[in-house]
Amino acid sequence: MLTVGVDIGGTSVRAGVVDADGTVVATAAVPTARDAAGLDDAIVDLVRGLAEQHRVGAVGLAIAGFVDPDRRTVAFGAHLPWRDDPVAERLAARLDVPVVIEHDANAAGLAEHRVGAAVGARVAVLVALGTGIGAALLVDGAVFRGAHGVAPELGHLTVVRGGRPCPCGKRGCLERYCSGTALGRSAEELVADTEEFSVLRATWERAQPITGWDVARAAEAGDLLAGRVVDEFADWLGQALSLVADVFDPDVVVVGGEVSASSGLFLDRARRRYAEEVTGGGHRRLAEVRPAMLGGRAGIVGAALDARERTGV
């Protein structure tokens, strides 16, 4: 029996049929609807389309938002229309198979622990670097979600008092300095503050936003200013890893998310900074810091494996 994982983000809904080994055997995707009824319909249509060709026993949803501790209800998603909504029950009735829900970072962390970079880890942390920072903590293979289902929110730790404003309403959050968005923002600030040549200057002078991908491509091509931005990013990541180690003492940290595709530019420097910053550095065992293995499919795979484990199909 196969399961379907559905990764529901602010711009797209991606679904995949996944076998017991975590292999994705078929996929489909549609844009994310702006209203709850439309989003429900899109998920149902995707799953039914995949189920026409594969025997599906359960469905797992990876949600970019807060999931209640019962993991049946979506409490809130900044870019999703559901609010305190019993999504699992409603979709299960329409699909006639069990439906389970998980936070998207937890789903990705579960996937990396079961079939990816954190296999065998006793305490594993996923740090997902994208538009912001997502995070997951697994202890003895089980997702730790805190008392109210929202832990760990590493991206919104305050690291610069009165720093850059964050969409969460705070200032100086870690993700404002260590994410794909932060790469672009840091590049714009540096270009504005120097006459140094950079291929990024043309984008800035056209009043177009510099993206994290722009910075990564420029750094790969040897642009010195972009390289400095990436080095600063790596230092922030190293500090974040030291905070993770001080609080959770993991044996493995997996660095995932969209930015991890360029991990060759920054991960070695981040590891060095982590070793320098962590409490007791040089006198304790450090976590292995590994790039994610599953890439953009981690949410789909994790949601599908979660559905398999929780329903016993």
C-alpha atoms as a PDB file:
ATOM      1  CA  MET A   1       0.000   0.000   0.000  1.00  0.00           C
ATOM      2  CA  LEU A   2       1.257   3.466  -0.901  1.00  0.00           C
ATOM      3  CA  THR A   3       0.683   6.821   0.767  1.00  0.00           C
ATOM      4  CA  VAL A   4       0.448  10.353  -0.606  1.00  0.00           C
ATOM      5  CA  GLY A   5       2.333  13.286   0.842  1.00  0.00           C
ATOM      6  CA  VAL A   6       1.041  16.785   0.101  1.00  0.00           C
ATOM      7  CA  ASP A   7       3.318  19.764   0.732  1.00  0.00           C
ATOM      8  CA  ILE A   8       1.143  22.871   1.055  1.00  0.00           C
ATOM      9  CA  GLY A   9       3.004  26.145   0.787  1.00  0.00           C
ATOM     10  CA  GLY A  10       2.051  29.728   0.145  1.00  0.00           C
ATOM     11  CA  THR A  11       2.550  29.510  -3.623  1.00  0.00           C
ATOM     12  CA  SER A  12       2.077  25.874  -4.592  1.00  0.00           C
ATOM     13  CA  VAL A  13       0.537  22.577  -3.501  1.00  0.00           C
ATOM     14  CA  ARG A  14       2.790  19.645  -4.414  1.00  0.00           C
ATOM     15  CA  ALA A  15       1.740  16.030  -3.989  1.00  0.00           C
ATOM     16  CA  GLY A  16       3.595  12.765  -4.391  1.00  0.00           C
ATOM     17  CA  VAL A  17       2.938   9.050  -4.119  1.00  0.00           C
ATOM     18  CA  VAL A  18       5.559   7.541  -1.799  1.00  0.00           C
ATOM     19  CA  ASP A  19       6.418   3.912  -1.086  1.00  0.00           C
ATOM     20  CA  ALA A  20       7.510   2.395   2.227  1.00  0.00           C
ATOM     21  CA  ASP A  21      11.181   3.135   1.473  1.00  0.00           C
ATOM     22  CA  GLY A  22      10.525   6.844   0.967  1.00  0.00           C
ATOM     23  CA  THR A  23      10.816   6.708  -2.818  1.00  0.00           C
ATOM     24  CA  VAL A  24       8.577   9.170  -4.677  1.00  0.00           C
ATOM     25  CA  VAL A  25       6.967   7.259  -7.550  1.00  0.00           C
ATOM     26  CA  ALA A  26       4.659   9.959  -8.991  1.00  0.00           C
ATOM     27  CA  THR A  27       4.050  13.682  -8.473  1.00  0.00           C
ATOM     28  CA  ALA A  28       1.596  16.454  -9.318  1.00  0.00           C
ATOM     29  CA  ALA A  29       1.294  20.134  -8.408  1.00  0.00           C
ATOM     30  CA  VAL A  30      -1.050  23.124  -8.662  1.00  0.00           C
ATOM     31  CA  PRO A  31      -0.918  26.754  -7.445  1.00  0.00           C
ATOM     32  CA  THR A  32      -2.157  27.389  -3.910  1.00  0.00           C
ATOM     33  CA  ALA A  33      -5.761  28.627  -3.847  1.00  0.00           C
ATOM     34  CA  ARG A  34      -6.514  31.779  -1.872  1.00  0.00           C
ATOM     35  CA  ASP A  35      -9.741  30.518  -0.248  1.00  0.00           C
ATOM     36  CA  ALA A  36     -10.339  27.479   1.956  1.00  0.00           C
ATOM     37  CA  ALA A  37     -12.852  25.772  -0.343  1.00  0.00           C
ATOM     38  CA  GLY A  38     -10.550  26.184  -3.329  1.00  0.00           C
ATOM     39  CA  LEU A  39      -7.586  24.801  -1.401  1.00  0.00           C
ATOM     40  CA  ASP A  40      -9.633  21.799  -0.265  1.00  0.00           C
ATOM     41  CA  ASP A  41     -10.698  21.139  -3.852  1.00  0.00           C
ATOM     42  CA  ALA A  42      -7.134  21.392  -5.142  1.00  0.00           C
ATOM     43  CA  ILE A  43      -5.861  18.826  -2.621  1.00  0.00           C
ATOM     44  CA  VAL A  44      -8.732  16.444  -3.307  1.00  0.00           C
ATOM     45  CA  ASP A  45      -8.196  16.701  -7.063  1.00  0.00           C
ATOM     46  CA  LEU A  46      -4.455  16.088  -6.750  1.00  0.00           C
ATOM     47  CA  VAL A  47      -4.879  13.045  -4.525  1.00  0.00           C
ATOM     48  CA  ARG A  48      -7.675  11.565  -6.618  1.00  0.00           C
ATOM     49  CA  GLY A  49      -5.623  12.023  -9.769  1.00  0.00           C
ATOM     50  CA  LEU A  50      -2.676  10.182  -8.256  1.00  0.00           C
ATOM     51  CA  ALA A  51      -4.938   7.495  -6.769  1.00  0.00           C
ATOM     52  CA  GLU A  52      -6.256   6.672 -10.240  1.00  0.00           C
ATOM     53  CA  GLN A  53      -2.873   5.135 -11.042  1.00  0.00           C
ATOM     54  CA  HIS A  54      -1.730   3.966  -7.587  1.00  0.00           C
ATOM     55  CA  ARG A  55      -3.291   2.197  -4.632  1.00  0.00           C
ATOM     56  CA  VAL A  56      -3.342   4.824  -1.885  1.00  0.00           C
ATOM     57  CA  GLY A  57      -4.101   3.960   1.741  1.00  0.00           C
ATOM     58  CA  ALA A  58      -3.559   7.276   3.549  1.00  0.00           C
ATOM     59  CA  VAL A  59      -2.668  10.922   2.970  1.00  0.00           C
ATOM     60  CA  GLY A  60      -0.305  13.165   4.908  1.00  0.00           C
ATOM     61  CA  LEU A  61      -0.356  16.952   4.692  1.00  0.00           C
ATOM     62  CA  ALA A  62       2.737  19.075   5.369  1.00  0.00           C
ATOM     63  CA  ILE A  63       1.444  22.529   6.327  1.00  0.00           C
ATOM     64  CA  ALA A  64       3.338  25.828   6.263  1.00  0.00           C
ATOM     65  CA  GLY A  65       1.628  26.981   9.457  1.00  0.00           C
ATOM     66  CA  PHE A  66       0.687  26.116  13.019  1.00  0.00           C
ATOM     67  CA  VAL A  67      -0.878  22.702  13.595  1.00  0.00           C
ATOM     68  CA  ASP A  68      -2.795  22.003  16.809  1.00  0.00           C
ATOM     69  CA  PRO A  69      -1.351  19.308  19.125  1.00  0.00           C
ATOM     70  CA  ASP A  70      -4.085  16.905  17.983  1.00  0.00           C
ATOM     71  CA  ARG A  71      -2.645  17.180  14.466  1.00  0.00           C
ATOM     72  CA  ARG A  72      -6.137  17.236  13.043  1.00  0.00           C
ATOM     73  CA  THR A  73      -6.631  20.988  12.946  1.00  0.00           C
ATOM     74  CA  VAL A  74      -4.764  23.794  11.201  1.00  0.00           C
ATOM     75  CA  ALA A  75      -4.644  26.707  13.623  1.00  0.00           C
ATOM     76  CA  PHE A  76      -3.014  29.318  11.408  1.00  0.00           C
ATOM     77  CA  GLY A  77      -0.877  29.801   8.335  1.00  0.00           C
ATOM     78  CA  ALA A  78       0.301  33.249   7.285  1.00  0.00           C
ATOM     79  CA  HIS A  79      -0.101  32.385   3.591  1.00  0.00           C
ATOM     80  CA  LEU A  80      -2.950  29.871   3.875  1.00  0.00           C
ATOM     81  CA  PRO A  81      -6.716  30.459   4.245  1.00  0.00           C
ATOM     82  CA  TRP A  82      -7.378  27.933   7.023  1.00  0.00           C
ATOM     83  CA  ARG A  83      -8.025  29.271  10.552  1.00  0.00           C
ATOM     84  CA  ASP A  84      -8.726  26.861  13.452  1.00  0.00           C
ATOM     85  CA  ASP A  85      -9.981  24.520  10.762  1.00  0.00           C
ATOM     86  CA  PRO A  86     -10.507  20.723  11.193  1.00  0.00           C
ATOM     87  CA  VAL A  87      -8.918  20.078   7.805  1.00  0.00           C
ATOM     88  CA  ALA A  88      -7.983  16.420   8.349  1.00  0.00           C
ATOM     89  CA  GLU A  89     -11.511  15.293   9.177  1.00  0.00           C
ATOM     90  CA  ARG A  90     -13.069  17.185   6.283  1.00  0.00           C
ATOM     91  CA  LEU A  91     -10.609  15.933   3.662  1.00  0.00           C
ATOM     92  CA  ALA A  92     -10.720  12.365   4.976  1.00  0.00           C
ATOM     93  CA  ALA A  93     -14.478  12.358   4.459  1.00  0.00           C
ATOM     94  CA  ARG A  94     -14.058  13.494   0.855  1.00  0.00           C
ATOM     95  CA  LEU A  95     -11.166  11.161   0.020  1.00  0.00           C
ATOM     96  CA  ASP A  96     -12.413   8.136   1.986  1.00  0.00           C
ATOM     97  CA  VAL A  97      -8.916   7.450   3.383  1.00  0.00           C
ATOM     98  CA  PRO A  98      -7.253   8.625   6.619  1.00  0.00           C
ATOM     99  CA  VAL A  99      -5.691  12.092   6.457  1.00  0.00           C
ATOM    100  CA  VAL A 100      -3.069  13.311   8.934  1.00  0.00           C
ATOM    101  CA  ILE A 101      -1.406  16.720   9.308  1.00  0.00           C
ATOM    102  CA  GLU A 102       2.088  17.851  10.257  1.00  0.00           C
ATOM    103  CA  HIS A 103       3.999  21.131  10.215  1.00  0.00           C
ATOM    104  CA  ASP A 104       6.094  21.258   7.037  1.00  0.00           C
ATOM    105  CA  ALA A 105       9.437  21.598   8.842  1.00  0.00           C
ATOM    106  CA  ASN A 106       8.571  18.643  11.089  1.00  0.00           C
ATOM    107  CA  ALA A 107       7.648  16.616   8.010  1.00  0.00           C
ATOM    108  CA  ALA A 108      10.964  17.469   6.355  1.00  0.00           C
ATOM    109  CA  GLY A 109      12.842  16.617   9.547  1.00  0.00           C
ATOM    110  CA  LEU A 110      11.052  13.290   9.815  1.00  0.00           C
ATOM    111  CA  ALA A 111      11.931  12.483   6.199  1.00  0.00           C
ATOM    112  CA  GLU A 112      15.610  13.268   6.721  1.00  0.00           C
ATOM    113  CA  HIS A 113      15.627  11.125   9.873  1.00  0.00           C
ATOM    114  CA  ARG A 114      13.913   8.153   8.264  1.00  0.00           C
ATOM    115  CA  VAL A 115      15.573   8.046   4.839  1.00  0.00           C
ATOM    116  CA  GLY A 116      17.933  11.040   4.554  1.00  0.00           C
ATOM    117  CA  ALA A 117      20.875  12.756   6.185  1.00  0.00           C
ATOM    118  CA  ALA A 118      19.896  12.063   9.822  1.00  0.00           C
ATOM    119  CA  VAL A 119      19.292   8.308   9.669  1.00  0.00           C
ATOM    120  CA  GLY A 120      20.302   6.748  12.990  1.00  0.00           C
ATOM    121  CA  ALA A 121      20.580  10.042  14.889  1.00  0.00           C
ATOM    122  CA  ARG A 122      19.302   9.955  18.477  1.00  0.00           C
ATOM    123  CA  VAL A 123      18.797  13.731  18.667  1.00  0.00           C
ATOM    124  CA  ALA A 124      18.429  15.381  15.266  1.00  0.00           C
ATOM    125  CA  VAL A 125      17.703  18.985  14.358  1.00  0.00           C
ATOM    126  CA  LEU A 126      16.656  20.202  10.918  1.00  0.00           C
ATOM    127  CA  VAL A 127      17.370  23.835  10.084  1.00  0.00           C
ATOM    128  CA  ALA A 128      15.538  24.712   6.868  1.00  0.00           C
ATOM    129  CA  LEU A 129      16.827  27.887   5.227  1.00  0.00           C
ATOM    130  CA  GLY A 130      14.420  29.439   2.742  1.00  0.00           C
ATOM    131  CA  THR A 131      12.370  32.618   2.734  1.00  0.00           C
ATOM    132  CA  GLY A 132      12.661  32.358   6.514  1.00  0.00           C
ATOM    133  CA  ILE A 133      13.914  29.602   8.815  1.00  0.00           C
ATOM    134  CA  GLY A 134      12.000  26.447   9.590  1.00  0.00           C
ATOM    135  CA  ALA A 135      13.167  23.986  12.211  1.00  0.00           C
ATOM    136  CA  ALA A 136      12.393  20.544  13.564  1.00  0.00           C
ATOM    137  CA  LEU A 137      13.661  18.543  16.522  1.00  0.00           C
ATOM    138  CA  LEU A 138      13.471  14.749  16.682  1.00  0.00           C
ATOM    139  CA  VAL A 139      14.377  12.835  19.842  1.00  0.00           C
ATOM    140  CA  ASP A 140      14.700   9.051  19.560  1.00  0.00           C
ATOM    141  CA  GLY A 141      12.887   9.296  16.221  1.00  0.00           C
ATOM    142  CA  ALA A 142       9.877  11.199  17.565  1.00  0.00           C
ATOM    143  CA  VAL A 143       9.080  14.786  16.634  1.00  0.00           C
ATOM    144  CA  PHE A 144       9.246  17.155  19.608  1.00  0.00           C
ATOM    145  CA  ARG A 145       6.610  19.828  19.159  1.00  0.00           C
ATOM    146  CA  GLY A 146       6.359  21.490  22.573  1.00  0.00           C
ATOM    147  CA  ALA A 147       3.297  21.914  24.780  1.00  0.00           C
ATOM    148  CA  HIS A 148       1.235  23.716  22.145  1.00  0.00           C
ATOM    149  CA  GLY A 149       2.552  22.194  18.924  1.00  0.00           C
ATOM    150  CA  VAL A 150       4.702  25.081  17.655  1.00  0.00           C
ATOM    151  CA  ALA A 151       8.261  24.269  18.823  1.00  0.00           C
ATOM    152  CA  PRO A 152      10.995  24.933  17.836  1.00  0.00           C
ATOM    153  CA  GLU A 153      10.747  28.441  16.322  1.00  0.00           C
ATOM    154  CA  LEU A 154      14.457  29.021  15.854  1.00  0.00           C
ATOM    155  CA  GLY A 155      13.968  31.594  13.123  1.00  0.00           C
ATOM    156  CA  HIS A 156      12.365  34.049  15.525  1.00  0.00           C
ATOM    157  CA  LEU A 157      15.025  34.056  18.216  1.00  0.00           C
ATOM    158  CA  THR A 158      16.093  37.687  18.683  1.00  0.00           C
ATOM    159  CA  VAL A 159      19.779  37.967  17.794  1.00  0.00           C
ATOM    160  CA  VAL A 160      20.039  41.744  17.178  1.00  0.00           C
ATOM    161  CA  ARG A 161      18.194  43.967  19.635  1.00  0.00           C
ATOM    162  CA  GLY A 162      16.289  46.582  17.616  1.00  0.00           C
ATOM    163  CA  GLY A 163      17.546  44.997  14.380  1.00  0.00           C
ATOM    164  CA  ARG A 164      15.867  44.406  11.058  1.00  0.00           C
ATOM    165  CA  PRO A 165      12.053  44.295  11.197  1.00  0.00           C
ATOM    166  CA  CYS A 166      10.507  40.842  10.806  1.00  0.00           C
ATOM    167  CA  PRO A 167       7.042  39.993   9.415  1.00  0.00           C
ATOM    168  CA  CYS A 168       6.322  38.261  12.747  1.00  0.00           C
ATOM    169  CA  GLY A 169       6.179  41.723  14.359  1.00  0.00           C
ATOM    170  CA  LYS A 170       9.501  41.559  16.194  1.00  0.00           C
ATOM    171  CA  ARG A 171      12.850  43.071  15.255  1.00  0.00           C
ATOM    172  CA  GLY A 172      16.230  41.405  14.928  1.00  0.00           C
ATOM    173  CA  CYS A 173      15.009  37.829  14.401  1.00  0.00           C
ATOM    174  CA  LEU A 174      17.597  35.281  13.307  1.00  0.00           C
ATOM    175  CA  GLU A 175      15.864  34.684   9.982  1.00  0.00           C
ATOM    176  CA  ARG A 176      16.332  38.353   9.062  1.00  0.00           C
ATOM    177  CA  TYR A 177      20.100  37.629   8.956  1.00  0.00           C
ATOM    178  CA  CYS A 178      20.270  33.940   8.044  1.00  0.00           C
ATOM    179  CA  SER A 179      17.853  33.007   5.242  1.00  0.00           C
ATOM    180  CA  GLY A 180      17.442  33.408   1.501  1.00  0.00           C
ATOM    181  CA  THR A 181      15.659  36.692   2.118  1.00  0.00           C
ATOM    182  CA  ALA A 182      18.492  37.838   4.377  1.00  0.00           C
ATOM    183  CA  LEU A 183      21.086  37.156   1.681  1.00  0.00           C
ATOM    184  CA  GLY A 184      19.326  39.596  -0.630  1.00  0.00           C
ATOM    185  CA  ARG A 185      18.805  42.209   2.073  1.00  0.00           C
ATOM    186  CA  SER A 186      22.438  42.074   3.182  1.00  0.00           C
ATOM    187  CA  ALA A 187      23.602  42.405  -0.426  1.00  0.00           C
ATOM    188  CA  GLU A 188      21.405  45.459  -0.976  1.00  0.00           C
ATOM    189  CA  GLU A 189      22.755  47.132   2.151  1.00  0.00           C
ATOM    190  CA  LEU A 190      26.353  46.447   1.144  1.00  0.00           C
ATOM    191  CA  VAL A 191      25.901  47.619  -2.455  1.00  0.00           C
ATOM    192  CA  ALA A 192      24.304  50.846  -1.201  1.00  0.00           C
ATOM    193  CA  ASP A 193      27.170  51.449   1.208  1.00  0.00           C
ATOM    194  CA  THR A 194      30.122  50.977  -1.161  1.00  0.00           C
ATOM    195  CA  GLU A 195      31.336  51.897  -4.641  1.00  0.00           C
ATOM    196  CA  GLU A 196      32.912  48.485  -5.020  1.00  0.00           C
ATOM    197  CA  PHE A 197      32.181  46.741  -8.319  1.00  0.00           C
ATOM    198  CA  SER A 198      29.693  43.905  -8.162  1.00  0.00           C
ATOM    199  CA  VAL A 199      27.478  42.232 -10.729  1.00  0.00           C
ATOM    200  CA  LEU A 200      24.705  42.766  -8.166  1.00  0.00           C
ATOM    201  CA  ARG A 201      24.941  46.555  -8.540  1.00  0.00           C
ATOM    202  CA  ALA A 202      23.087  46.576 -11.858  1.00  0.00           C
ATOM    203  CA  THR A 203      20.110  44.845 -10.252  1.00  0.00           C
ATOM    204  CA  TRP A 204      20.150  47.284  -7.345  1.00  0.00           C
ATOM    205  CA  GLU A 205      20.435  50.336  -9.633  1.00  0.00           C
ATOM    206  CA  ARG A 206      17.360  49.163 -11.549  1.00  0.00           C
ATOM    207  CA  ALA A 207      15.506  49.248  -8.200  1.00  0.00           C
ATOM    208  CA  GLN A 208      14.909  45.528  -8.463  1.00  0.00           C
ATOM    209  CA  PRO A 209      15.217  43.363  -5.352  1.00  0.00           C
ATOM    210  CA  ILE A 210      18.386  41.298  -5.072  1.00  0.00           C
ATOM    211  CA  THR A 211      17.438  37.705  -4.278  1.00  0.00           C
ATOM    212  CA  GLY A 212      19.308  35.017  -2.439  1.00  0.00           C
ATOM    213  CA  TRP A 213      19.724  33.183  -5.732  1.00  0.00           C
ATOM    214  CA  ASP A 214      21.298  36.309  -7.261  1.00  0.00           C
ATOM    215  CA  VAL A 215      23.830  36.423  -4.431  1.00  0.00           C
ATOM    216  CA  ALA A 216      24.640  32.709  -4.667  1.00  0.00           C
ATOM    217  CA  ARG A 217      25.153  32.826  -8.433  1.00  0.00           C
ATOM    218  CA  ALA A 218      27.363  35.905  -8.125  1.00  0.00           C
ATOM    219  CA  ALA A 219      29.426  34.322  -5.363  1.00  0.00           C
ATOM    220  CA  GLU A 220      29.883  31.151  -7.398  1.00  0.00           C
ATOM    221  CA  ALA A 221      31.152  33.315 -10.272  1.00  0.00           C
ATOM    222  CA  GLY A 222      33.755  34.915  -8.003  1.00  0.00           C
ATOM    223  CA  ASP A 223      32.058  38.240  -7.240  1.00  0.00           C
ATOM    224  CA  LEU A 224      33.904  39.569  -4.194  1.00  0.00           C
ATOM    225  CA  LEU A 225      31.033  41.569  -2.708  1.00  0.00           C
ATOM    226  CA  ALA A 226      28.667  38.601  -3.029  1.00  0.00           C
ATOM    227  CA  GLY A 227      31.352  36.476  -1.400  1.00  0.00           C
ATOM    228  CA  ARG A 228      31.426  38.802   1.604  1.00  0.00           C
ATOM    229  CA  VAL A 229      27.647  38.568   1.896  1.00  0.00           C
ATOM    230  CA  VAL A 230      27.820  34.785   1.851  1.00  0.00           C
ATOM    231  CA  ASP A 231      30.592  34.799   4.464  1.00  0.00           C
ATOM    232  CA  GLU A 232      28.449  36.961   6.752  1.00  0.00           C
ATOM    233  CA  PHE A 233      25.553  34.574   6.192  1.00  0.00           C
ATOM    234  CA  ALA A 234      27.810  31.638   7.098  1.00  0.00           C
ATOM    235  CA  ASP A 235      28.854  33.367  10.314  1.00  0.00           C
ATOM    236  CA  TRP A 236      25.220  33.861  11.293  1.00  0.00           C
ATOM    237  CA  LEU A 237      24.497  30.211  10.526  1.00  0.00           C
ATOM    238  CA  GLY A 238      27.450  29.160  12.667  1.00  0.00           C
ATOM    239  CA  GLN A 239      26.083  31.232  15.536  1.00  0.00           C
ATOM    240  CA  ALA A 240      22.658  29.655  15.014  1.00  0.00           C
ATOM    241  CA  LEU A 241      24.205  26.187  15.119  1.00  0.00           C
ATOM    242  CA  SER A 242      25.955  27.044  18.388  1.00  0.00           C
ATOM    243  CA  LEU A 243      22.611  28.132  19.890  1.00  0.00           C
ATOM    244  CA  VAL A 244      21.014  24.886  18.709  1.00  0.00           C
ATOM    245  CA  ALA A 245      23.841  22.877  20.246  1.00  0.00           C
ATOM    246  CA  ASP A 246      23.706  24.750  23.557  1.00  0.00           C
ATOM    247  CA  VAL A 247      19.959  24.158  23.915  1.00  0.00           C
ATOM    248  CA  PHE A 248      19.408  20.721  22.351  1.00  0.00           C
ATOM    249  CA  ASP A 249      22.880  19.048  22.197  1.00  0.00           C
ATOM    250  CA  PRO A 250      22.034  17.105  19.024  1.00  0.00           C
ATOM    251  CA  ASP A 251      24.264  14.496  17.465  1.00  0.00           C
ATOM    252  CA  VAL A 252      23.229  15.572  13.929  1.00  0.00           C
ATOM    253  CA  VAL A 253      22.095  18.888  12.482  1.00  0.00           C
ATOM    254  CA  VAL A 254      20.727  18.793   8.932  1.00  0.00           C
ATOM    255  CA  VAL A 255      20.829  22.024   6.959  1.00  0.00           C
ATOM    256  CA  GLY A 256      18.033  22.009   4.416  1.00  0.00           C
ATOM    257  CA  GLY A 257      15.672  24.364   2.630  1.00  0.00           C
ATOM    258  CA  GLU A 258      16.138  26.115  -0.697  1.00  0.00           C
ATOM    259  CA  VAL A 259      19.363  27.853   0.339  1.00  0.00           C
ATOM    260  CA  SER A 260      21.019  24.501   1.103  1.00  0.00           C
ATOM    261  CA  ALA A 261      21.371  23.946  -2.648  1.00  0.00           C
ATOM    262  CA  SER A 262      24.318  26.358  -2.375  1.00  0.00           C
ATOM    263  CA  SER A 263      25.710  24.845   0.831  1.00  0.00           C
ATOM    264  CA  GLY A 264      29.118  24.379  -0.767  1.00  0.00           C
ATOM    265  CA  LEU A 265      29.540  28.152  -0.538  1.00  0.00           C
ATOM    266  CA  PHE A 266      28.966  28.485   3.200  1.00  0.00           C
ATOM    267  CA  LEU A 267      28.687  25.254   5.165  1.00  0.00           C
ATOM    268  CA  ASP A 268      32.389  24.717   5.927  1.00  0.00           C
ATOM    269  CA  ARG A 269      32.737  28.282   7.265  1.00  0.00           C
ATOM    270  CA  ALA A 270      29.526  27.844   9.289  1.00  0.00           C
ATOM    271  CA  ARG A 271      30.901  24.650  10.830  1.00  0.00           C
ATOM    272  CA  ARG A 272      34.088  26.469  11.868  1.00  0.00           C
ATOM    273  CA  ARG A 273      32.158  29.360  13.384  1.00  0.00           C
ATOM    274  CA  TYR A 274      29.890  26.893  15.208  1.00  0.00           C
ATOM    275  CA  ALA A 275      32.931  25.195  16.748  1.00  0.00           C
ATOM    276  CA  GLU A 276      34.267  28.597  17.868  1.00  0.00           C
ATOM    277  CA  GLU A 277      30.968  29.873  19.292  1.00  0.00           C
ATOM    278  CA  VAL A 278      29.533  26.835  21.073  1.00  0.00           C
ATOM    279  CA  THR A 279      29.863  26.722  24.848  1.00  0.00           C
ATOM    280  CA  GLY A 280      32.817  24.569  25.832  1.00  0.00           C
ATOM    281  CA  GLY A 281      34.125  24.386  22.290  1.00  0.00           C
ATOM    282  CA  GLY A 282      37.211  22.184  22.137  1.00  0.00           C
ATOM    283  CA  HIS A 283      36.097  20.258  25.213  1.00  0.00           C
ATOM    284  CA  ARG A 284      32.901  18.604  24.015  1.00  0.00           C
ATOM    285  CA  ARG A 285      31.642  16.517  21.153  1.00  0.00           C
ATOM    286  CA  LEU A 286      30.119  18.591  18.367  1.00  0.00           C
ATOM    287  CA  ALA A 287      27.119  17.684  16.286  1.00  0.00           C
ATOM    288  CA  GLU A 288      27.743  16.538  12.743  1.00  0.00           C
ATOM    289  CA  VAL A 289      26.435  19.274  10.453  1.00  0.00           C
ATOM    290  CA  ARG A 290      25.236  17.734   7.200  1.00  0.00           C
ATOM    291  CA  PRO A 291      23.485  19.083   4.108  1.00  0.00           C
ATOM    292  CA  ALA A 292      19.997  17.704   3.539  1.00  0.00           C
ATOM    293  CA  MET A 293      19.677  14.781   1.146  1.00  0.00           C
ATOM    294  CA  LEU A 294      16.046  15.044   0.052  1.00  0.00           C
ATOM    295  CA  GLY A 295      15.935  18.599  -1.246  1.00  0.00           C
ATOM    296  CA  GLY A 296      12.548  19.953  -2.251  1.00  0.00           C
ATOM    297  CA  ARG A 297      10.863  16.569  -1.821  1.00  0.00           C
ATOM    298  CA  ALA A 298      11.472  16.346   1.923  1.00  0.00           C
ATOM    299  CA  GLY A 299       8.022  17.706   2.859  1.00  0.00           C
ATOM    300  CA  ILE A 300       6.233  15.304   0.532  1.00  0.00           C
ATOM    301  CA  VAL A 301       8.249  12.302   1.696  1.00  0.00           C
ATOM    302  CA  GLY A 302       7.924  13.194   5.369  1.00  0.00           C
ATOM    303  CA  ALA A 303       4.169  13.765   5.169  1.00  0.00           C
ATOM    304  CA  ALA A 304       3.689  10.462   3.370  1.00  0.00           C
ATOM    305  CA  LEU A 305       5.856   8.507   5.818  1.00  0.00           C
ATOM    306  CA  ASP A 306       4.088  10.204   8.729  1.00  0.00           C
ATOM    307  CA  ALA A 307       0.740   9.080   7.304  1.00  0.00           C
ATOM    308  CA  ARG A 308       2.052   5.528   6.964  1.00  0.00           C
ATOM    309  CA  GLU A 309       3.370   5.412  10.522  1.00  0.00           C
ATOM    310  CA  ARG A 310       0.320   6.987  12.141  1.00  0.00           C
ATOM    311  CA  THR A 311      -2.309   4.964  10.291  1.00  0.00           C
ATOM    312  CA  GLY A 312      -0.466   1.649   9.950  1.00  0.00           C
ATOM    313  CA  VAL A 313      -1.324   1.186   6.278  1.00  0.00           C
END
